[in-house]
Each structure stands twice: as structure tokens, then as C-alpha cells.
Amino acid sequence: MFKTIKETIKETAYSAVMMAENELSSAAGKEKKAKAIEFVVSKISVAQPFKSIIVILLSKFIDKAVEQAVTYMKSVQYEQER
């Protein structure tokens, strides 16, 4: 179960970062990250009572997935600017 949820989180993190960037382009990084995490959590397909528990258990994993997506997006942007 956790393996499937972790895969969903990894896959969704990139979309979440792009969505947050487009939606909050002039906002601070912390706001964008919070929005991206909120989006990732919304895409976890688990019944609501269990979702809160899973989010707590996987909070560091979610944070790391979003950070990796941000790093990837920045590297792609850097390569495009070259």
C-alpha cells in the first residue's frame, strides 16, 4: 500500500511544483512549496480518515519529493537558458 502511495507522491510532485509556480509566480518559495504539498496530498487516493495518518507518516517523504521536483525544474530551466 505505501509503495503505491509513494509512487503517486513522486509522480504528482512534478505536476504540483509546476502548478504552484504557475499559480503563485510572484509568491515566496515557502508559499509555493506549501501549495505543492497541498496538491500532492489532495491526489493521494485514500479514504479521508486514513489520509491524515498517511500524511503524517509520509510527511518527510512528501517534502523530499517536492524538493526533488523543485531541483529538477530548476535544472531544466537552467539548461533551457543556456
Protein backbone atom coordinates (compact mmCIF):
# COMPACT_ATOMS: atom_id res chain seq x y z
CA MET A 1 0.00 0.00 0.00
CA PHE A 2 2.71 2.50 0.97
CA LYS A 3 4.70 1.66 -2.16
CA THR A 4 1.75 2.66 -4.39
CA ILE A 5 1.16 5.82 -2.38
CA LYS A 6 4.84 6.76 -2.58
CA GLU A 7 4.81 6.30 -6.36
CA THR A 8 1.75 8.55 -6.59
CA ILE A 9 3.53 11.16 -4.48
CA LYS A 10 6.67 11.06 -6.65
CA GLU A 11 4.70 11.31 -9.88
CA THR A 12 2.44 14.07 -8.59
CA ALA A 13 5.25 16.18 -7.13
CA TYR A 14 6.40 17.45 -10.53
CA SER A 15 2.90 18.50 -11.55
CA ALA A 16 2.40 20.07 -8.15
CA VAL A 17 5.54 22.18 -8.41
CA MET A 18 4.62 23.36 -11.90
CA MET A 19 1.08 24.18 -10.79
CA ALA A 20 2.30 26.10 -7.74
CA GLU A 21 4.82 28.02 -9.84
CA ASN A 22 2.20 28.99 -12.41
CA GLU A 23 -0.43 29.86 -9.83
CA LEU A 24 1.84 31.73 -7.41
CA SER A 25 4.60 33.01 -9.68
CA SER A 26 5.32 36.09 -7.60
CA ALA A 27 4.90 34.42 -4.20
CA ALA A 28 7.68 33.32 -1.88
CA GLY A 29 9.17 29.85 -2.13
CA LYS A 30 7.58 28.73 1.13
CA GLU A 31 4.12 29.57 -0.17
CA LYS A 32 4.77 27.70 -3.40
CA LYS A 33 6.05 24.68 -1.51
CA ALA A 34 3.01 24.66 0.77
CA LYS A 35 0.73 24.84 -2.28
CA ALA A 36 2.62 22.00 -3.97
CA ILE A 37 2.39 19.82 -0.86
CA GLU A 38 -1.32 20.58 -0.58
CA PHE A 39 -1.79 19.48 -4.20
CA VAL A 40 0.18 16.26 -3.66
CA VAL A 41 -1.85 15.40 -0.57
CA SER A 42 -5.10 16.02 -2.45
CA LYS A 43 -4.07 13.43 -5.05
CA ILE A 44 -3.46 10.63 -2.55
CA SER A 45 -6.39 8.30 -3.12
CA VAL A 46 -7.12 7.05 0.38
CA ALA A 47 -10.26 7.46 2.49
CA GLN A 48 -10.19 10.70 4.47
CA PRO A 49 -9.79 9.25 7.99
CA PHE A 50 -6.70 7.36 6.83
CA LYS A 51 -5.32 10.18 4.69
CA SER A 52 -4.43 12.28 7.74
CA ILE A 53 -2.49 9.40 9.24
CA ILE A 54 -0.70 8.63 5.98
CA VAL A 55 0.22 12.29 5.51
CA ILE A 56 1.74 12.36 9.00
CA LEU A 57 3.64 9.12 8.41
CA LEU A 58 4.90 10.22 4.99
CA SER A 59 5.37 13.94 5.62
CA LYS A 60 9.15 13.79 5.22
CA PHE A 61 8.79 11.72 2.06
CA ILE A 62 6.30 14.21 0.60
CA ASP A 63 8.59 17.11 1.47
CA LYS A 64 11.57 15.37 -0.11
CA ALA A 65 9.61 14.54 -3.29
CA VAL A 66 8.58 18.18 -3.68
CA GLU A 67 12.16 19.36 -3.06
CA GLN A 68 13.47 16.92 -5.68
CA ALA A 69 10.88 18.19 -8.15
CA VAL A 70 11.94 21.77 -7.49
CA THR A 71 15.59 20.87 -8.03
CA TYR A 72 14.74 19.10 -11.26
CA MET A 73 12.64 22.01 -12.53
CA LYS A 74 15.43 24.46 -11.75
CA SER A 75 17.98 22.33 -13.60
CA VAL A 76 15.70 22.10 -16.64
CA GLN A 77 15.16 25.86 -16.57
CA TYR A 78 18.92 26.45 -16.29
CA GLU A 79 19.60 24.20 -19.27
CA GLN A 80 16.95 25.99 -21.34
CA GLU A 81 18.50 29.37 -20.57
CA ARG A 82 21.92 28.28 -21.78
